[in-house]
Amino acid sequence: MNKSFLKFITDFGPLLIFFTIYYKSGKDLSAAIPPLIIATIVAVVIIYLIEKKIPYIPLIGGIVISLFGGLTLYFDNPVFLYMKPTIINIIFALTLLIGKTLFDKNFLEFFFKAAFQLDELGWSKLNNRWAYFFIFLAILNEIIWRTQPEATWVNFKVWGVLPLTFIFTALQLPMINKHKI
């Protein structure tokens, strides 16, 4: 099994497990959350074993999923799980925006400089675009969970966010190519 395929599985496997169990259990969040938490923890461990370094973004996601999933189960209140994507996206956006402003550190460059090399302007543009995209996803999540039935929100998590992220990423390629070193 090649490394990129395994990375894809660890990135999206927990979400697909959640989606599958949610629907097979008759749309029961309390049945789908424990497998989501376990699959997320397993995915973080697998990434660590493959890359031999701590995968910070999946680790943060795993901690937040475990916390908010646990709160949802403990209080029997799905609002905690609904808000998790909003909170994660805001954390990522603030990390990118504040990192550059307060610490003069472009965290996007820090995490992705091994994948490709850009000039300073390119990294700055990409950093800001991703920060604003995360804010957009947070707002969109809030709109959907507050105005739509739970099943619509679950479908949006799997069939909405993923395509939006792929499209957004593809739209960044011309700028990335323009600023490649």
N, C-alpha and C. Protein backbone atom coordinates (compact mmCIF):
# COMPACT_ATOMS: atom_id res chain seq x y z
N MET A 1 0.85 -1.18 0.00
CA MET A 1 0.00 0.00 0.00
C MET A 1 0.90 1.24 0.00
N ASN A 2 0.67 2.15 -0.97
CA ASN A 2 1.56 3.30 -1.02
C ASN A 2 1.18 4.35 0.02
N LYS A 3 2.14 5.22 0.29
CA LYS A 3 2.01 6.19 1.37
C LYS A 3 0.88 7.20 1.13
N SER A 4 0.72 7.67 -0.11
CA SER A 4 -0.31 8.68 -0.38
C SER A 4 -1.73 8.09 -0.24
N PHE A 5 -1.89 6.83 -0.65
CA PHE A 5 -3.19 6.19 -0.49
C PHE A 5 -3.52 6.01 1.00
N LEU A 6 -2.52 5.59 1.77
CA LEU A 6 -2.71 5.42 3.22
C LEU A 6 -3.03 6.76 3.88
N LYS A 7 -2.38 7.82 3.43
CA LYS A 7 -2.65 9.16 3.96
C LYS A 7 -4.09 9.57 3.64
N PHE A 8 -4.55 9.28 2.42
CA PHE A 8 -5.92 9.58 2.03
C PHE A 8 -6.90 8.83 2.93
N ILE A 9 -6.63 7.56 3.17
CA ILE A 9 -7.51 6.74 4.02
C ILE A 9 -7.54 7.29 5.45
N THR A 10 -6.39 7.69 5.98
CA THR A 10 -6.37 8.21 7.35
C THR A 10 -7.03 9.58 7.44
N ASP A 11 -6.99 10.35 6.35
CA ASP A 11 -7.64 11.66 6.36
C ASP A 11 -9.17 11.54 6.29
N PHE A 12 -9.67 10.66 5.44
CA PHE A 12 -11.10 10.61 5.18
C PHE A 12 -11.80 9.37 5.71
N GLY A 13 -11.04 8.37 6.12
CA GLY A 13 -11.63 7.14 6.65
C GLY A 13 -12.52 7.36 7.86
N PRO A 14 -12.06 8.11 8.87
CA PRO A 14 -12.93 8.31 10.04
C PRO A 14 -14.27 8.97 9.68
N LEU A 15 -14.24 9.94 8.78
CA LEU A 15 -15.48 10.61 8.38
C LEU A 15 -16.41 9.64 7.65
N LEU A 16 -15.83 8.81 6.78
CA LEU A 16 -16.66 7.83 6.06
C LEU A 16 -17.23 6.77 7.00
N ILE A 17 -16.45 6.39 8.01
CA ILE A 17 -16.95 5.44 9.02
C ILE A 17 -18.12 6.07 9.78
N PHE A 18 -17.95 7.32 10.17
CA PHE A 18 -19.03 8.03 10.86
C PHE A 18 -20.30 8.07 10.01
N PHE A 19 -20.13 8.46 8.75
CA PHE A 19 -21.25 8.58 7.82
C PHE A 19 -21.96 7.24 7.66
N THR A 20 -21.20 6.19 7.45
CA THR A 20 -21.77 4.85 7.24
C THR A 20 -22.53 4.37 8.47
N ILE A 21 -21.91 4.49 9.63
CA ILE A 21 -22.56 4.01 10.86
C ILE A 21 -23.78 4.87 11.20
N TYR A 22 -23.69 6.15 10.94
CA TYR A 22 -24.82 7.05 11.20
C TYR A 22 -26.06 6.56 10.44
N TYR A 23 -25.89 6.26 9.16
CA TYR A 23 -27.03 5.83 8.36
C TYR A 23 -27.45 4.38 8.63
N LYS A 24 -26.49 3.51 8.90
CA LYS A 24 -26.83 2.10 9.18
C LYS A 24 -27.52 1.95 10.54
N SER A 25 -27.29 2.91 11.43
CA SER A 25 -27.90 2.84 12.76
C SER A 25 -29.24 3.58 12.81
N GLY A 26 -29.75 3.99 11.68
CA GLY A 26 -31.01 4.72 11.67
C GLY A 26 -30.85 6.17 12.05
N LYS A 27 -29.73 6.78 11.64
CA LYS A 27 -29.42 8.20 11.90
C LYS A 27 -29.27 8.46 13.40
N ASP A 28 -28.47 7.62 14.05
CA ASP A 28 -28.23 7.74 15.48
C ASP A 28 -26.81 8.26 15.73
N LEU A 29 -26.71 9.53 16.12
CA LEU A 29 -25.40 10.12 16.40
C LEU A 29 -24.66 9.38 17.51
N SER A 30 -25.38 8.97 18.54
CA SER A 30 -24.70 8.32 19.66
C SER A 30 -24.09 6.98 19.27
N ALA A 31 -24.58 6.36 18.20
CA ALA A 31 -23.98 5.12 17.70
C ALA A 31 -22.77 5.42 16.82
N ALA A 32 -22.79 6.56 16.13
CA ALA A 32 -21.74 6.87 15.16
C ALA A 32 -20.53 7.59 15.77
N ILE A 33 -20.72 8.25 16.91
CA ILE A 33 -19.63 9.03 17.50
C ILE A 33 -18.49 8.16 18.03
N PRO A 34 -18.73 7.11 18.83
CA PRO A 34 -17.59 6.31 19.32
C PRO A 34 -16.71 5.74 18.20
N PRO A 35 -17.28 5.17 17.12
CA PRO A 35 -16.39 4.71 16.05
C PRO A 35 -15.62 5.85 15.38
N LEU A 36 -16.24 7.04 15.31
CA LEU A 36 -15.54 8.20 14.76
C LEU A 36 -14.32 8.55 15.62
N ILE A 37 -14.51 8.59 16.92
CA ILE A 37 -13.40 8.91 17.83
C ILE A 37 -12.31 7.86 17.72
N ILE A 38 -12.67 6.59 17.76
CA ILE A 38 -11.68 5.51 17.68
C ILE A 38 -10.95 5.55 16.34
N ALA A 39 -11.69 5.71 15.24
CA ALA A 39 -11.05 5.75 13.91
C ALA A 39 -10.12 6.95 13.79
N THR A 40 -10.48 8.07 14.38
CA THR A 40 -9.64 9.27 14.33
C THR A 40 -8.34 9.04 15.11
N ILE A 41 -8.44 8.44 16.27
CA ILE A 41 -7.24 8.14 17.07
C ILE A 41 -6.34 7.15 16.33
N VAL A 42 -6.93 6.12 15.76
CA VAL A 42 -6.16 5.13 14.98
C VAL A 42 -5.47 5.82 13.80
N ALA A 43 -6.18 6.72 13.12
CA ALA A 43 -5.60 7.44 11.98
C ALA A 43 -4.40 8.28 12.40
N VAL A 44 -4.50 8.96 13.53
CA VAL A 44 -3.37 9.77 14.02
C VAL A 44 -2.17 8.88 14.32
N VAL A 45 -2.41 7.74 14.95
CA VAL A 45 -1.32 6.80 15.26
C VAL A 45 -0.68 6.28 13.97
N ILE A 46 -1.48 5.93 12.98
CA ILE A 46 -0.95 5.43 11.70
C ILE A 46 -0.10 6.49 11.02
N ILE A 47 -0.58 7.73 11.00
CA ILE A 47 0.20 8.82 10.39
C ILE A 47 1.53 8.98 11.12
N TYR A 48 1.48 8.91 12.46
CA TYR A 48 2.71 9.02 13.24
C TYR A 48 3.69 7.89 12.89
N LEU A 49 3.18 6.67 12.78
CA LEU A 49 4.06 5.53 12.46
C LEU A 49 4.64 5.65 11.05
N ILE A 50 3.88 6.20 10.11
CA ILE A 50 4.35 6.34 8.73
C ILE A 50 5.38 7.46 8.62
N GLU A 51 5.03 8.62 9.18
CA GLU A 51 5.86 9.81 8.99
C GLU A 51 6.93 9.99 10.06
N LYS A 52 6.82 9.24 11.14
CA LYS A 52 7.78 9.32 12.25
C LYS A 52 7.86 10.73 12.86
N LYS A 53 6.72 11.44 12.79
CA LYS A 53 6.62 12.74 13.45
C LYS A 53 5.18 12.96 13.86
N ILE A 54 4.98 13.85 14.80
CA ILE A 54 3.63 14.11 15.30
C ILE A 54 2.85 14.86 14.22
N PRO A 55 1.69 14.31 13.81
CA PRO A 55 0.86 15.00 12.80
C PRO A 55 -0.04 16.03 13.49
N TYR A 56 0.43 17.28 13.58
CA TYR A 56 -0.23 18.29 14.39
C TYR A 56 -1.69 18.55 13.99
N ILE A 57 -1.95 18.73 12.71
CA ILE A 57 -3.32 19.05 12.29
C ILE A 57 -4.27 17.88 12.58
N PRO A 58 -3.93 16.64 12.19
CA PRO A 58 -4.82 15.53 12.57
C PRO A 58 -4.91 15.34 14.09
N LEU A 59 -3.83 15.62 14.81
CA LEU A 59 -3.84 15.48 16.26
C LEU A 59 -4.82 16.48 16.88
N ILE A 60 -4.76 17.73 16.45
CA ILE A 60 -5.68 18.75 16.95
C ILE A 60 -7.12 18.34 16.62
N GLY A 61 -7.33 17.91 15.37
CA GLY A 61 -8.66 17.44 14.98
C GLY A 61 -9.13 16.29 15.84
N GLY A 62 -8.24 15.34 16.12
CA GLY A 62 -8.58 14.19 16.96
C GLY A 62 -8.95 14.58 18.38
N ILE A 63 -8.20 15.52 18.93
CA ILE A 63 -8.49 16.00 20.29
C ILE A 63 -9.86 16.68 20.33
N VAL A 64 -10.11 17.55 19.34
CA VAL A 64 -11.38 18.27 19.31
C VAL A 64 -12.55 17.32 19.05
N ILE A 65 -12.36 16.34 18.15
CA ILE A 65 -13.41 15.34 17.90
C ILE A 65 -13.70 14.54 19.16
N SER A 66 -12.65 14.11 19.84
CA SER A 66 -12.84 13.35 21.08
C SER A 66 -13.55 14.19 22.15
N LEU A 67 -13.14 15.44 22.28
CA LEU A 67 -13.75 16.33 23.28
C LEU A 67 -15.21 16.59 22.96
N PHE A 68 -15.49 17.05 21.74
CA PHE A 68 -16.87 17.43 21.41
C PHE A 68 -17.77 16.20 21.20
N GLY A 69 -17.20 15.13 20.67
CA GLY A 69 -17.96 13.89 20.58
C GLY A 69 -18.30 13.37 21.96
N GLY A 70 -17.32 13.43 22.86
CA GLY A 70 -17.56 13.00 24.24
C GLY A 70 -18.60 13.86 24.94
N LEU A 71 -18.54 15.17 24.74
CA LEU A 71 -19.54 16.07 25.32
C LEU A 71 -20.94 15.78 24.76
N THR A 72 -21.00 15.50 23.45
CA THR A 72 -22.28 15.16 22.83
C THR A 72 -22.87 13.92 23.47
N LEU A 73 -22.04 12.90 23.68
CA LEU A 73 -22.53 11.66 24.29
C LEU A 73 -22.89 11.87 25.76
N TYR A 74 -22.02 12.55 26.49
CA TYR A 74 -22.24 12.74 27.92
C TYR A 74 -23.52 13.53 28.21
N PHE A 75 -23.70 14.64 27.50
CA PHE A 75 -24.87 15.49 27.73
C PHE A 75 -26.06 15.12 26.85
N ASP A 76 -25.86 14.12 25.99
CA ASP A 76 -26.90 13.70 25.05
C ASP A 76 -27.44 14.92 24.29
N ASN A 77 -26.50 15.72 23.78
CA ASN A 77 -26.85 16.96 23.08
C ASN A 77 -25.97 17.09 21.84
N PRO A 78 -26.55 16.99 20.66
CA PRO A 78 -25.76 17.01 19.43
C PRO A 78 -25.14 18.37 19.09
N VAL A 79 -25.55 19.41 19.78
CA VAL A 79 -25.03 20.75 19.48
C VAL A 79 -23.50 20.77 19.59
N PHE A 80 -22.96 20.03 20.53
CA PHE A 80 -21.51 20.00 20.68
C PHE A 80 -20.83 19.48 19.40
N LEU A 81 -21.38 18.43 18.83
CA LEU A 81 -20.81 17.87 17.61
C LEU A 81 -21.05 18.80 16.42
N TYR A 82 -22.20 19.42 16.38
CA TYR A 82 -22.49 20.36 15.29
C TYR A 82 -21.49 21.53 15.28
N MET A 83 -21.10 21.97 16.45
CA MET A 83 -20.20 23.13 16.55
C MET A 83 -18.73 22.79 16.35
N LYS A 84 -18.40 21.50 16.43
CA LYS A 84 -17.00 21.10 16.29
C LYS A 84 -16.35 21.61 15.01
N PRO A 85 -16.97 21.44 13.82
CA PRO A 85 -16.32 21.95 12.61
C PRO A 85 -16.13 23.47 12.63
N THR A 86 -17.09 24.17 13.20
CA THR A 86 -16.97 25.62 13.31
C THR A 86 -15.74 25.97 14.13
N ILE A 87 -15.60 25.32 15.27
CA ILE A 87 -14.49 25.63 16.17
C ILE A 87 -13.16 25.25 15.54
N ILE A 88 -13.07 24.08 14.91
CA ILE A 88 -11.82 23.67 14.27
C ILE A 88 -11.45 24.66 13.16
N ASN A 89 -12.41 25.04 12.33
CA ASN A 89 -12.11 25.97 11.24
C ASN A 89 -11.69 27.33 11.76
N ILE A 90 -12.31 27.81 12.82
CA ILE A 90 -11.91 29.09 13.42
C ILE A 90 -10.51 28.98 14.02
N ILE A 91 -10.21 27.86 14.68
CA ILE A 91 -8.85 27.66 15.23
C ILE A 91 -7.82 27.71 14.11
N PHE A 92 -8.09 26.99 13.01
CA PHE A 92 -7.14 26.99 11.89
C PHE A 92 -7.00 28.39 11.30
N ALA A 93 -8.11 29.10 11.10
CA ALA A 93 -8.06 30.45 10.53
C ALA A 93 -7.27 31.39 11.43
N LEU A 94 -7.57 31.36 12.72
CA LEU A 94 -6.86 32.24 13.65
C LEU A 94 -5.38 31.90 13.73
N THR A 95 -5.07 30.61 13.70
CA THR A 95 -3.66 30.20 13.72
C THR A 95 -2.92 30.78 12.53
N LEU A 96 -3.53 30.71 11.36
CA LEU A 96 -2.88 31.25 10.16
C LEU A 96 -2.77 32.77 10.21
N LEU A 97 -3.84 33.44 10.61
CA LEU A 97 -3.83 34.91 10.63
C LEU A 97 -2.99 35.48 11.76
N ILE A 98 -3.14 34.94 12.95
CA ILE A 98 -2.40 35.45 14.10
C ILE A 98 -0.94 35.03 14.04
N GLY A 99 -0.68 33.84 13.53
CA GLY A 99 0.71 33.39 13.42
C GLY A 99 1.55 34.36 12.62
N LYS A 100 1.02 34.85 11.53
CA LYS A 100 1.75 35.78 10.68
C LYS A 100 1.83 37.15 11.34
N THR A 101 0.74 37.58 11.96
CA THR A 101 0.67 38.92 12.54
C THR A 101 1.51 39.05 13.82
N LEU A 102 1.29 38.14 14.77
CA LEU A 102 1.94 38.27 16.08
C LEU A 102 3.33 37.64 16.15
N PHE A 103 3.51 36.53 15.44
CA PHE A 103 4.77 35.79 15.57
C PHE A 103 5.65 35.86 14.33
N ASP A 104 5.17 36.58 13.31
CA ASP A 104 5.87 36.67 12.04
C ASP A 104 6.22 35.28 11.52
N LYS A 105 5.26 34.37 11.68
CA LYS A 105 5.45 32.98 11.27
C LYS A 105 4.29 32.57 10.38
N ASN A 106 4.61 32.14 9.18
CA ASN A 106 3.59 31.65 8.26
C ASN A 106 3.47 30.15 8.50
N PHE A 107 2.44 29.76 9.25
CA PHE A 107 2.28 28.36 9.62
C PHE A 107 1.94 27.48 8.43
N LEU A 108 1.30 28.03 7.43
CA LEU A 108 1.02 27.24 6.23
C LEU A 108 2.34 26.86 5.56
N GLU A 109 3.24 27.81 5.48
CA GLU A 109 4.56 27.53 4.92
C GLU A 109 5.30 26.51 5.79
N PHE A 110 5.20 26.66 7.09
CA PHE A 110 5.87 25.75 8.01
C PHE A 110 5.43 24.31 7.78
N PHE A 111 4.11 24.10 7.59
CA PHE A 111 3.58 22.75 7.42
C PHE A 111 3.76 22.19 6.01
N PHE A 112 3.83 23.07 5.00
CA PHE A 112 3.82 22.58 3.62
C PHE A 112 5.08 22.90 2.82
N LYS A 113 6.11 23.46 3.46
CA LYS A 113 7.32 23.81 2.70
C LYS A 113 8.01 22.58 2.11
N ALA A 114 7.80 21.42 2.69
CA ALA A 114 8.40 20.20 2.13
C ALA A 114 7.66 19.78 0.86
N ALA A 115 6.39 20.16 0.73
CA ALA A 115 5.59 19.75 -0.43
C ALA A 115 5.89 20.60 -1.65
N PHE A 116 6.08 21.90 -1.46
CA PHE A 116 6.40 22.80 -2.58
C PHE A 116 7.03 24.08 -2.05
N GLN A 117 7.76 24.74 -2.92
CA GLN A 117 8.47 25.98 -2.57
C GLN A 117 7.82 27.17 -3.26
N LEU A 118 7.49 28.19 -2.49
CA LEU A 118 6.92 29.42 -3.03
C LEU A 118 7.75 30.60 -2.57
N ASP A 119 7.63 31.71 -3.31
CA ASP A 119 8.26 32.93 -2.82
C ASP A 119 7.43 33.47 -1.65
N GLU A 120 7.94 34.48 -0.99
CA GLU A 120 7.29 35.02 0.21
C GLU A 120 5.86 35.51 -0.07
N LEU A 121 5.68 36.21 -1.19
CA LEU A 121 4.36 36.72 -1.55
C LEU A 121 3.38 35.56 -1.78
N GLY A 122 3.85 34.51 -2.43
CA GLY A 122 3.00 33.35 -2.68
C GLY A 122 2.54 32.70 -1.38
N TRP A 123 3.47 32.51 -0.44
CA TRP A 123 3.10 31.92 0.85
C TRP A 123 2.12 32.82 1.59
N SER A 124 2.34 34.13 1.52
CA SER A 124 1.46 35.07 2.20
C SER A 124 0.04 35.01 1.62
N LYS A 125 -0.05 35.02 0.29
CA LYS A 125 -1.36 34.93 -0.36
C LYS A 125 -2.05 33.61 -0.01
N LEU A 126 -1.31 32.52 -0.10
CA LEU A 126 -1.89 31.20 0.17
C LEU A 126 -2.35 31.11 1.63
N ASN A 127 -1.54 31.63 2.53
CA ASN A 127 -1.89 31.65 3.96
C ASN A 127 -3.21 32.39 4.18
N ASN A 128 -3.33 33.57 3.60
CA ASN A 128 -4.54 34.37 3.79
C ASN A 128 -5.75 33.72 3.14
N ARG A 129 -5.57 33.18 1.96
CA ARG A 129 -6.69 32.52 1.28
C ARG A 129 -7.21 31.34 2.08
N TRP A 130 -6.29 30.53 2.62
CA TRP A 130 -6.74 29.39 3.43
C TRP A 130 -7.42 29.87 4.71
N ALA A 131 -6.90 30.91 5.32
CA ALA A 131 -7.53 31.43 6.54
C ALA A 131 -8.96 31.86 6.25
N TYR A 132 -9.15 32.59 5.15
CA TYR A 132 -10.50 33.05 4.81
C TYR A 132 -11.40 31.89 4.38
N PHE A 133 -10.83 30.88 3.76
CA PHE A 133 -11.60 29.70 3.41
C PHE A 133 -12.08 28.97 4.67
N PHE A 134 -11.21 28.87 5.67
CA PHE A 134 -11.62 28.25 6.93
C PHE A 134 -12.75 29.05 7.60
N ILE A 135 -12.67 30.36 7.53
CA ILE A 135 -13.74 31.20 8.09
C ILE A 135 -15.04 30.95 7.31
N PHE A 136 -14.95 30.87 5.99
CA PHE A 136 -16.12 30.57 5.16
C PHE A 136 -16.74 29.23 5.57
N LEU A 137 -15.90 28.20 5.75
CA LEU A 137 -16.42 26.88 6.15
C LEU A 137 -17.08 26.94 7.53
N ALA A 138 -16.52 27.72 8.44
CA ALA A 138 -17.11 27.86 9.78
C ALA A 138 -18.49 28.50 9.69
N ILE A 139 -18.59 29.56 8.92
CA ILE A 139 -19.89 30.24 8.75
C ILE A 139 -20.89 29.32 8.07
N LEU A 140 -20.45 28.63 7.02
CA LEU A 140 -21.33 27.70 6.32
C LEU A 140 -21.82 26.59 7.23
N ASN A 141 -20.94 26.05 8.05
CA ASN A 141 -21.34 25.01 9.00
C ASN A 141 -22.41 25.53 9.96
N GLU A 142 -22.20 26.74 10.47
CA GLU A 142 -23.18 27.33 11.38
C GLU A 142 -24.54 27.50 10.71
N ILE A 143 -24.53 27.98 9.48
CA ILE A 143 -25.80 28.17 8.75
C ILE A 143 -26.50 26.84 8.56
N ILE A 144 -25.75 25.82 8.16
CA ILE A 144 -26.38 24.53 7.87
C ILE A 144 -26.91 23.85 9.12
N TRP A 145 -26.11 23.77 10.19
CA TRP A 145 -26.62 23.04 11.36
C TRP A 145 -27.76 23.79 12.05
N ARG A 146 -27.78 25.10 11.90
CA ARG A 146 -28.84 25.88 12.56
C ARG A 146 -30.13 25.95 11.75
N THR A 147 -30.06 25.67 10.44
CA THR A 147 -31.25 25.84 9.60
C THR A 147 -31.74 24.54 8.95
N GLN A 148 -30.96 23.48 9.02
CA GLN A 148 -31.30 22.25 8.31
C GLN A 148 -31.44 21.08 9.28
N PRO A 149 -32.13 20.02 8.86
CA PRO A 149 -32.22 18.82 9.69
C PRO A 149 -30.83 18.17 9.86
N GLU A 150 -30.71 17.37 10.91
CA GLU A 150 -29.43 16.72 11.22
C GLU A 150 -28.88 15.93 10.03
N ALA A 151 -29.73 15.17 9.35
CA ALA A 151 -29.26 14.35 8.23
C ALA A 151 -28.66 15.22 7.12
N THR A 152 -29.21 16.40 6.91
CA THR A 152 -28.65 17.32 5.91
C THR A 152 -27.26 17.78 6.34
N TRP A 153 -27.12 18.07 7.63
CA TRP A 153 -25.82 18.48 8.15
C TRP A 153 -24.79 17.35 7.98
N VAL A 154 -25.17 16.13 8.30
CA VAL A 154 -24.27 14.99 8.14
C VAL A 154 -23.87 14.83 6.67
N ASN A 155 -24.83 14.91 5.77
CA ASN A 155 -24.52 14.82 4.34
C ASN A 155 -23.59 15.95 3.91
N PHE A 156 -23.83 17.14 4.41
CA PHE A 156 -22.97 18.28 4.09
C PHE A 156 -21.54 18.02 4.54
N LYS A 157 -21.37 17.41 5.72
CA LYS A 157 -20.02 17.12 6.23
C LYS A 157 -19.25 16.21 5.28
N VAL A 158 -19.95 15.25 4.67
CA VAL A 158 -19.27 14.30 3.80
C VAL A 158 -19.26 14.77 2.34
N TRP A 159 -20.43 15.17 1.84
CA TRP A 159 -20.57 15.44 0.41
C TRP A 159 -20.50 16.93 0.07
N GLY A 160 -20.40 17.79 1.05
CA GLY A 160 -20.31 19.22 0.79
C GLY A 160 -18.92 19.78 1.05
N VAL A 161 -18.41 19.54 2.25
CA VAL A 161 -17.12 20.11 2.64
C VAL A 161 -15.98 19.56 1.77
N LEU A 162 -15.99 18.27 1.55
CA LEU A 162 -14.91 17.65 0.77
C LEU A 162 -14.83 18.22 -0.65
N PRO A 163 -15.93 18.26 -1.42
CA PRO A 163 -15.85 18.86 -2.76
C PRO A 163 -15.48 20.34 -2.72
N LEU A 164 -16.02 21.08 -1.74
CA LEU A 164 -15.66 22.50 -1.63
C LEU A 164 -14.16 22.67 -1.40
N THR A 165 -13.60 21.82 -0.57
CA THR A 165 -12.16 21.89 -0.28
C THR A 165 -11.34 21.53 -1.52
N PHE A 166 -11.75 20.50 -2.24
CA PHE A 166 -11.04 20.14 -3.48
C PHE A 166 -11.11 21.27 -4.50
N ILE A 167 -12.29 21.86 -4.66
CA ILE A 167 -12.45 22.96 -5.61
C ILE A 167 -11.61 24.15 -5.19
N PHE A 168 -11.66 24.51 -3.91
CA PHE A 168 -10.86 25.62 -3.43
C PHE A 168 -9.37 25.37 -3.67
N THR A 169 -8.92 24.16 -3.36
CA THR A 169 -7.51 23.81 -3.56
C THR A 169 -7.14 23.91 -5.03
N ALA A 170 -7.97 23.40 -5.91
CA ALA A 170 -7.70 23.47 -7.35
C ALA A 170 -7.62 24.92 -7.82
N LEU A 171 -8.46 25.77 -7.26
CA LEU A 171 -8.44 27.18 -7.65
C LEU A 171 -7.17 27.90 -7.20
N GLN A 172 -6.43 27.30 -6.27
CA GLN A 172 -5.19 27.91 -5.81
C GLN A 172 -4.00 27.57 -6.71
N LEU A 173 -4.15 26.56 -7.56
CA LEU A 173 -3.02 26.09 -8.38
C LEU A 173 -2.43 27.17 -9.29
N PRO A 174 -3.23 28.00 -9.96
CA PRO A 174 -2.60 29.06 -10.78
C PRO A 174 -1.73 30.00 -9.96
N MET A 175 -2.19 30.39 -8.78
CA MET A 175 -1.39 31.27 -7.93
C MET A 175 -0.14 30.55 -7.43
N ILE A 176 -0.28 29.29 -7.07
CA ILE A 176 0.87 28.50 -6.61
C ILE A 176 1.90 28.41 -7.75
N ASN A 177 1.45 28.10 -8.95
CA ASN A 177 2.38 28.00 -10.08
C ASN A 177 3.05 29.33 -10.38
N LYS A 178 2.33 30.41 -10.21
CA LYS A 178 2.89 31.76 -10.46
C LYS A 178 4.01 32.10 -9.47
N HIS A 179 3.89 31.61 -8.23
CA HIS A 179 4.84 31.98 -7.19
C HIS A 179 5.82 30.86 -6.83
N LYS A 180 5.87 29.80 -7.64
CA LYS A 180 6.82 28.71 -7.38
C LYS A 180 8.24 29.21 -7.53
N ILE A 181 9.09 28.66 -6.69
CA ILE A 181 10.53 28.96 -6.79
C ILE A 181 11.17 27.82 -7.57
